[in-house]
Amino acid sequence: MSVPVIITPEAEQDLADGRDWYERQKDGLGVEFVIAVGDVFERLQSNPRMHQIVRKDVRRAVVKRFPWVVFYRALADRTEVIAVHDARRDPSRWHKRV
């Protein structure tokens, strides 16, 4: 089963902020970060229920190579990404989005 992955505007901003931060650290690293997050989105498209629920109906997928996680809801007709979160930061930043 393949479902569309919908990224909320807040999650889009999270992704852009992360990309910009990594790009300031090293040229091209921001692009690598976006690719790594995109790999998570592709996995969610084909198997959205593969990760455990961590809060209410929200699941968490770990981004490979980067200390970031994707928080999302696996709904019947779509996967809704609510946050792309730096795992080193306070998790309450995304809790208010639930």
Protein backbone atom coordinates (compact mmCIF):
# COMPACT_ATOMS: atom_id res chain seq x y z
CA MET A 1 0.00 0.00 0.00
CA SER A 2 1.33 3.41 -0.92
CA VAL A 3 -0.08 6.58 0.60
CA PRO A 4 0.85 10.20 -0.03
CA VAL A 5 3.11 11.92 2.47
CA ILE A 6 1.78 15.37 3.33
CA ILE A 7 4.19 17.76 5.02
CA THR A 8 2.67 20.48 7.18
CA PRO A 9 3.94 24.04 6.75
CA GLU A 10 5.57 23.84 10.20
CA ALA A 11 7.45 20.68 9.22
CA GLU A 12 8.50 22.31 5.93
CA GLN A 13 9.95 25.18 7.96
CA ASP A 14 11.73 22.72 10.27
CA LEU A 15 13.30 21.06 7.24
CA ALA A 16 14.36 24.39 5.74
CA ASP A 17 15.86 25.52 9.05
CA GLY A 18 17.83 22.29 9.36
CA ARG A 19 19.01 22.50 5.76
CA ASP A 20 20.17 26.08 6.24
CA TRP A 21 22.00 25.26 9.47
CA TYR A 22 23.86 22.31 7.93
CA GLU A 23 24.68 24.30 4.82
CA ARG A 24 26.32 26.97 7.00
CA GLN A 25 28.47 24.25 8.58
CA LYS A 26 29.73 22.85 5.28
CA ASP A 27 28.84 23.42 1.64
CA GLY A 28 26.61 20.62 0.40
CA LEU A 29 25.80 19.24 3.84
CA GLY A 30 22.38 20.89 3.77
CA VAL A 31 21.55 19.04 0.57
CA GLU A 32 22.70 15.77 2.14
CA PHE A 33 20.42 16.46 5.11
CA VAL A 34 17.42 17.04 2.84
CA ILE A 35 18.17 13.81 0.96
CA ALA A 36 18.35 11.88 4.25
CA VAL A 37 14.99 13.28 5.38
CA GLY A 38 13.57 12.53 1.92
CA ASP A 39 14.61 8.90 2.38
CA VAL A 40 12.46 8.80 5.52
CA PHE A 41 9.51 10.25 3.59
CA GLU A 42 9.91 7.55 0.92
CA ARG A 43 9.89 4.79 3.54
CA LEU A 44 6.78 6.29 5.14
CA GLN A 45 5.01 6.33 1.80
CA SER A 46 5.25 2.56 1.46
CA ASN A 47 5.02 1.55 5.13
CA PRO A 48 3.64 4.35 7.33
CA ARG A 49 2.92 2.14 10.34
CA MET A 50 6.47 0.79 10.63
CA HIS A 51 7.42 3.02 13.59
CA GLN A 52 6.08 3.01 17.12
CA ILE A 53 3.65 5.55 18.51
CA VAL A 54 5.43 7.95 20.87
CA ARG A 55 2.68 10.41 21.83
CA LYS A 56 -1.07 10.11 21.26
CA ASP A 57 -1.28 8.99 17.60
CA VAL A 58 2.13 10.38 16.58
CA ARG A 59 4.95 8.12 15.43
CA ARG A 60 8.68 8.80 15.23
CA ALA A 61 11.11 7.90 12.44
CA VAL A 62 14.85 8.44 12.87
CA VAL A 63 16.82 10.18 10.12
CA LYS A 64 19.98 8.24 9.20
CA ARG A 65 23.30 10.01 9.67
CA PHE A 66 21.79 13.12 11.26
CA PRO A 67 20.50 13.50 14.84
CA TRP A 68 17.01 14.37 13.64
CA VAL A 69 13.65 12.63 13.79
CA VAL A 70 10.44 12.91 11.79
CA PHE A 71 7.19 12.96 13.75
CA TYR A 72 4.12 11.95 11.80
CA ARG A 73 0.61 10.54 11.85
CA ALA A 74 -0.25 7.43 9.84
CA LEU A 75 -3.81 8.14 8.72
CA ALA A 76 -6.04 5.94 6.57
CA ASP A 77 -5.55 7.93 3.36
CA ARG A 78 -2.23 9.74 3.95
CA THR A 79 0.80 10.16 6.16
CA GLU A 80 0.96 13.60 7.74
CA VAL A 81 4.40 14.86 8.80
CA ILE A 82 3.96 17.28 11.70
CA ALA A 83 7.62 17.94 12.59
CA VAL A 84 11.17 17.42 11.41
CA HIS A 85 12.91 17.79 14.75
CA ASP A 86 16.50 18.10 15.91
CA ALA A 87 16.69 15.33 18.52
CA ARG A 88 19.12 17.42 20.57
CA ARG A 89 16.47 20.08 21.20
CA ASP A 90 13.61 20.24 23.67
CA PRO A 91 10.81 17.93 22.45
CA SER A 92 8.13 20.31 23.70
CA ARG A 93 8.76 22.30 20.50
CA TRP A 94 6.74 19.75 18.52
CA HIS A 95 4.33 18.63 21.28
CA LYS A 96 2.14 21.69 20.76
CA ARG A 97 1.54 20.55 17.17
CA VAL A 98 -0.25 17.39 18.29
